[in-house]
Amino acid sequence: QVQLVESGGGLVQSGGSLRLSCTVSRSILYFAAMGWHRQAPGGERELVAIIHRNESADYGDPVRGRFTISRDNAKNTVYLQMNSLKSEDTAIYYCNADRLIGSVPPRYWGQGTQVTVSS
């Protein structure tokens, strides 16, 4: 069983920065992509950022230009640098590891880390 452990969440003022980390129990090169999603109270889980095995990255529209996803394959860790935080970024942030198409299960999730941005 693969385990993903997030860290780095907390309380920050609007305009501030946080860096989230996600450490995986096996080599992240095994996965087609690694990513971050978030879920605000009463909302649906939405994509924040994804980084593929070839290092290409995509971002959700609300965070593009403010957040940066990166990976350290040697440490089996994925990072999410969050700058210029806004109150609407408040959510639980979940790390995910995506397997190749056709795999079961297709995706693993971490337990989540709370990010709260005060205005």
C-alpha atoms as a PDB file:
ATOM      1  CA  GLN A   1       0.000   0.000   0.000  1.00  0.00           C
ATOM      2  CA  VAL A   2       1.352   3.407  -0.990  1.00  0.00           C
ATOM      3  CA  GLN A   3       1.275   6.157   1.609  1.00  0.00           C
ATOM      4  CA  LEU A   4       1.330   9.887   0.946  1.00  0.00           C
ATOM      5  CA  VAL A   5       2.009  12.223   3.873  1.00  0.00           C
ATOM      6  CA  GLU A   6       1.392  15.944   3.542  1.00  0.00           C
ATOM      7  CA  SER A   7       2.908  18.619   5.765  1.00  0.00           C
ATOM      8  CA  GLY A   8       3.401  22.366   5.856  1.00  0.00           C
ATOM      9  CA  GLY A   9      -0.151  23.562   6.265  1.00  0.00           C
ATOM     10  CA  GLY A  10      -1.154  26.172   8.805  1.00  0.00           C
ATOM     11  CA  LEU A  11      -2.506  29.647   9.388  1.00  0.00           C
ATOM     12  CA  VAL A  12      -1.146  32.544   7.340  1.00  0.00           C
ATOM     13  CA  GLN A  13      -2.227  36.108   6.674  1.00  0.00           C
ATOM     14  CA  SER A  14      -3.521  37.202   3.326  1.00  0.00           C
ATOM     15  CA  GLY A  15      -0.621  37.981   0.991  1.00  0.00           C
ATOM     16  CA  GLY A  16       1.652  35.535   2.770  1.00  0.00           C
ATOM     17  CA  SER A  17       3.289  32.309   1.618  1.00  0.00           C
ATOM     18  CA  LEU A  18       3.354  28.646   2.575  1.00  0.00           C
ATOM     19  CA  ARG A  19       5.121  25.607   1.179  1.00  0.00           C
ATOM     20  CA  LEU A  20       3.405  22.243   1.333  1.00  0.00           C
ATOM     21  CA  SER A  21       5.305  18.972   1.108  1.00  0.00           C
ATOM     22  CA  CYS A  22       4.101  15.506   0.186  1.00  0.00           C
ATOM     23  CA  THR A  23       6.376  12.565   0.898  1.00  0.00           C
ATOM     24  CA  VAL A  24       5.554   9.231  -0.715  1.00  0.00           C
ATOM     25  CA  SER A  25       6.408   5.772   0.602  1.00  0.00           C
ATOM     26  CA  ARG A  26       7.824   4.631  -2.739  1.00  0.00           C
ATOM     27  CA  SER A  27       9.622   6.210  -5.679  1.00  0.00           C
ATOM     28  CA  ILE A  28       7.503   8.915  -7.269  1.00  0.00           C
ATOM     29  CA  LEU A  29       9.011   7.978 -10.634  1.00  0.00           C
ATOM     30  CA  TYR A  30       6.634   5.015 -10.481  1.00  0.00           C
ATOM     31  CA  PHE A  31       3.696   7.389 -11.005  1.00  0.00           C
ATOM     32  CA  ALA A  32       2.590   9.069 -14.217  1.00  0.00           C
ATOM     33  CA  ALA A  33       1.930  12.308 -12.361  1.00  0.00           C
ATOM     34  CA  MET A  34       1.824  13.859  -8.924  1.00  0.00           C
ATOM     35  CA  GLY A  35      -0.553  16.597  -7.921  1.00  0.00           C
ATOM     36  CA  TRP A  36      -2.378  18.690  -5.400  1.00  0.00           C
ATOM     37  CA  HIS A  37      -6.104  19.170  -5.017  1.00  0.00           C
ATOM     38  CA  ARG A  38      -8.030  21.179  -2.462  1.00  0.00           C
ATOM     39  CA  GLN A  39     -11.464  21.152  -0.912  1.00  0.00           C
ATOM     40  CA  ALA A  40     -13.034  24.119   0.840  1.00  0.00           C
ATOM     41  CA  PRO A  41     -15.882  23.703   3.347  1.00  0.00           C
ATOM     42  CA  GLY A  42     -19.058  22.901   1.445  1.00  0.00           C
ATOM     43  CA  GLY A  43     -17.191  22.762  -1.844  1.00  0.00           C
ATOM     44  CA  GLU A  44     -16.031  20.085  -4.229  1.00  0.00           C
ATOM     45  CA  ARG A  45     -12.473  18.864  -4.505  1.00  0.00           C
ATOM     46  CA  GLU A  46     -10.697  20.827  -7.236  1.00  0.00           C
ATOM     47  CA  LEU A  47      -7.377  20.561  -9.018  1.00  0.00           C
ATOM     48  CA  VAL A  48      -4.682  22.927  -7.796  1.00  0.00           C
ATOM     49  CA  ALA A  49      -1.611  21.712  -9.679  1.00  0.00           C
ATOM     50  CA  ILE A  50      -0.181  18.636 -11.343  1.00  0.00           C
ATOM     51  CA  ILE A  51       3.353  17.749 -12.397  1.00  0.00           C
ATOM     52  CA  HIS A  52       4.028  14.962 -14.848  1.00  0.00           C
ATOM     53  CA  ARG A  53       6.908  12.544 -14.927  1.00  0.00           C
ATOM     54  CA  ASN A  54       8.542  14.682 -17.652  1.00  0.00           C
ATOM     55  CA  GLU A  55       8.418  17.693 -15.277  1.00  0.00           C
ATOM     56  CA  SER A  56       5.709  19.534 -17.240  1.00  0.00           C
ATOM     57  CA  ALA A  57       3.132  21.170 -14.970  1.00  0.00           C
ATOM     58  CA  ASP A  58      -0.452  22.409 -15.157  1.00  0.00           C
ATOM     59  CA  TYR A  59      -2.390  24.629 -12.776  1.00  0.00           C
ATOM     60  CA  GLY A  60      -5.969  25.397 -11.903  1.00  0.00           C
ATOM     61  CA  ASP A  61      -7.079  28.841 -13.053  1.00  0.00           C
ATOM     62  CA  PRO A  62      -7.515  30.277  -9.512  1.00  0.00           C
ATOM     63  CA  VAL A  63      -3.865  29.630  -8.595  1.00  0.00           C
ATOM     64  CA  ARG A  64      -1.998  30.050 -11.871  1.00  0.00           C
ATOM     65  CA  GLY A  65       0.809  32.566 -11.467  1.00  0.00           C
ATOM     66  CA  ARG A  66       0.774  32.342  -7.663  1.00  0.00           C
ATOM     67  CA  PHE A  67       1.462  28.671  -6.931  1.00  0.00           C
ATOM     68  CA  THR A  68       4.347  26.509  -8.134  1.00  0.00           C
ATOM     69  CA  ILE A  69       4.526  22.722  -8.039  1.00  0.00           C
ATOM     70  CA  SER A  70       7.865  20.944  -8.038  1.00  0.00           C
ATOM     71  CA  ARG A  71       9.287  17.511  -7.320  1.00  0.00           C
ATOM     72  CA  ASP A  72      12.432  16.007  -5.829  1.00  0.00           C
ATOM     73  CA  ASN A  73      12.654  12.479  -7.152  1.00  0.00           C
ATOM     74  CA  ALA A  74      15.567  11.585  -4.872  1.00  0.00           C
ATOM     75  CA  LYS A  75      13.480  12.447  -1.804  1.00  0.00           C
ATOM     76  CA  ASN A  76      10.203  11.013  -3.151  1.00  0.00           C
ATOM     77  CA  THR A  77       8.667  14.386  -2.349  1.00  0.00           C
ATOM     78  CA  VAL A  78       6.432  16.834  -4.162  1.00  0.00           C
ATOM     79  CA  TYR A  79       6.144  20.472  -3.126  1.00  0.00           C
ATOM     80  CA  LEU A  80       3.571  23.204  -3.564  1.00  0.00           C
ATOM     81  CA  GLN A  81       4.897  26.729  -3.105  1.00  0.00           C
ATOM     82  CA  MET A  82       1.968  29.050  -2.471  1.00  0.00           C
ATOM     83  CA  ASN A  83       2.536  32.806  -2.734  1.00  0.00           C
ATOM     84  CA  SER A  84       0.207  35.809  -2.547  1.00  0.00           C
ATOM     85  CA  LEU A  85      -2.299  33.747  -0.609  1.00  0.00           C
ATOM     86  CA  LYS A  86      -5.918  34.866  -0.496  1.00  0.00           C
ATOM     87  CA  SER A  87      -8.750  34.030   1.880  1.00  0.00           C
ATOM     88  CA  GLU A  88     -10.359  31.960  -0.887  1.00  0.00           C
ATOM     89  CA  ASP A  89      -7.326  29.657  -0.832  1.00  0.00           C
ATOM     90  CA  THR A  90      -8.496  28.379   2.565  1.00  0.00           C
ATOM     91  CA  ALA A  91      -9.106  24.656   2.196  1.00  0.00           C
ATOM     92  CA  ILE A  92      -7.805  21.208   2.977  1.00  0.00           C
ATOM     93  CA  TYR A  93      -5.029  20.424   0.515  1.00  0.00           C
ATOM     94  CA  TYR A  94      -4.608  16.843  -0.647  1.00  0.00           C
ATOM     95  CA  CYS A  95      -1.635  15.304  -2.383  1.00  0.00           C
ATOM     96  CA  ASN A  96      -2.322  12.699  -5.065  1.00  0.00           C
ATOM     97  CA  ALA A  97      -0.259  10.166  -7.008  1.00  0.00           C
ATOM     98  CA  ASP A  98      -1.636   9.111 -10.398  1.00  0.00           C
ATOM     99  CA  ARG A  99      -0.865   5.710 -11.828  1.00  0.00           C
ATOM    100  CA  LEU A 100      -0.846   4.756 -15.495  1.00  0.00           C
ATOM    101  CA  ILE A 101      -4.195   4.504 -17.287  1.00  0.00           C
ATOM    102  CA  GLY A 102      -5.883   1.179 -16.538  1.00  0.00           C
ATOM    103  CA  SER A 103      -4.284   0.733 -13.131  1.00  0.00           C
ATOM    104  CA  VAL A 104      -6.395  -0.156 -10.132  1.00  0.00           C
ATOM    105  CA  PRO A 105      -6.647   1.941  -8.088  1.00  0.00           C
ATOM    106  CA  PRO A 106      -5.915   4.771 -10.533  1.00  0.00           C
ATOM    107  CA  ARG A 107      -4.941   7.282  -7.853  1.00  0.00           C
ATOM    108  CA  TYR A 108      -3.648   7.414  -4.305  1.00  0.00           C
ATOM    109  CA  TRP A 109      -4.493  10.219  -1.881  1.00  0.00           C
ATOM    110  CA  GLY A 110      -2.868  11.658   1.187  1.00  0.00           C
ATOM    111  CA  GLN A 111      -4.811  12.475   4.334  1.00  0.00           C
ATOM    112  CA  GLY A 112      -4.792  16.225   3.691  1.00  0.00           C
ATOM    113  CA  THR A 113      -3.355  19.287   5.393  1.00  0.00           C
ATOM    114  CA  GLN A 114      -5.335  22.360   6.421  1.00  0.00           C
ATOM    115  CA  VAL A 115      -4.433  25.764   4.993  1.00  0.00           C
ATOM    116  CA  THR A 116      -6.186  28.769   6.502  1.00  0.00           C
ATOM    117  CA  VAL A 117      -5.665  32.260   5.117  1.00  0.00           C
ATOM    118  CA  SER A 118      -6.862  35.104   7.327  1.00  0.00           C
ATOM    119  CA  SER A 119      -7.916  38.379   5.745  1.00  0.00           C
END
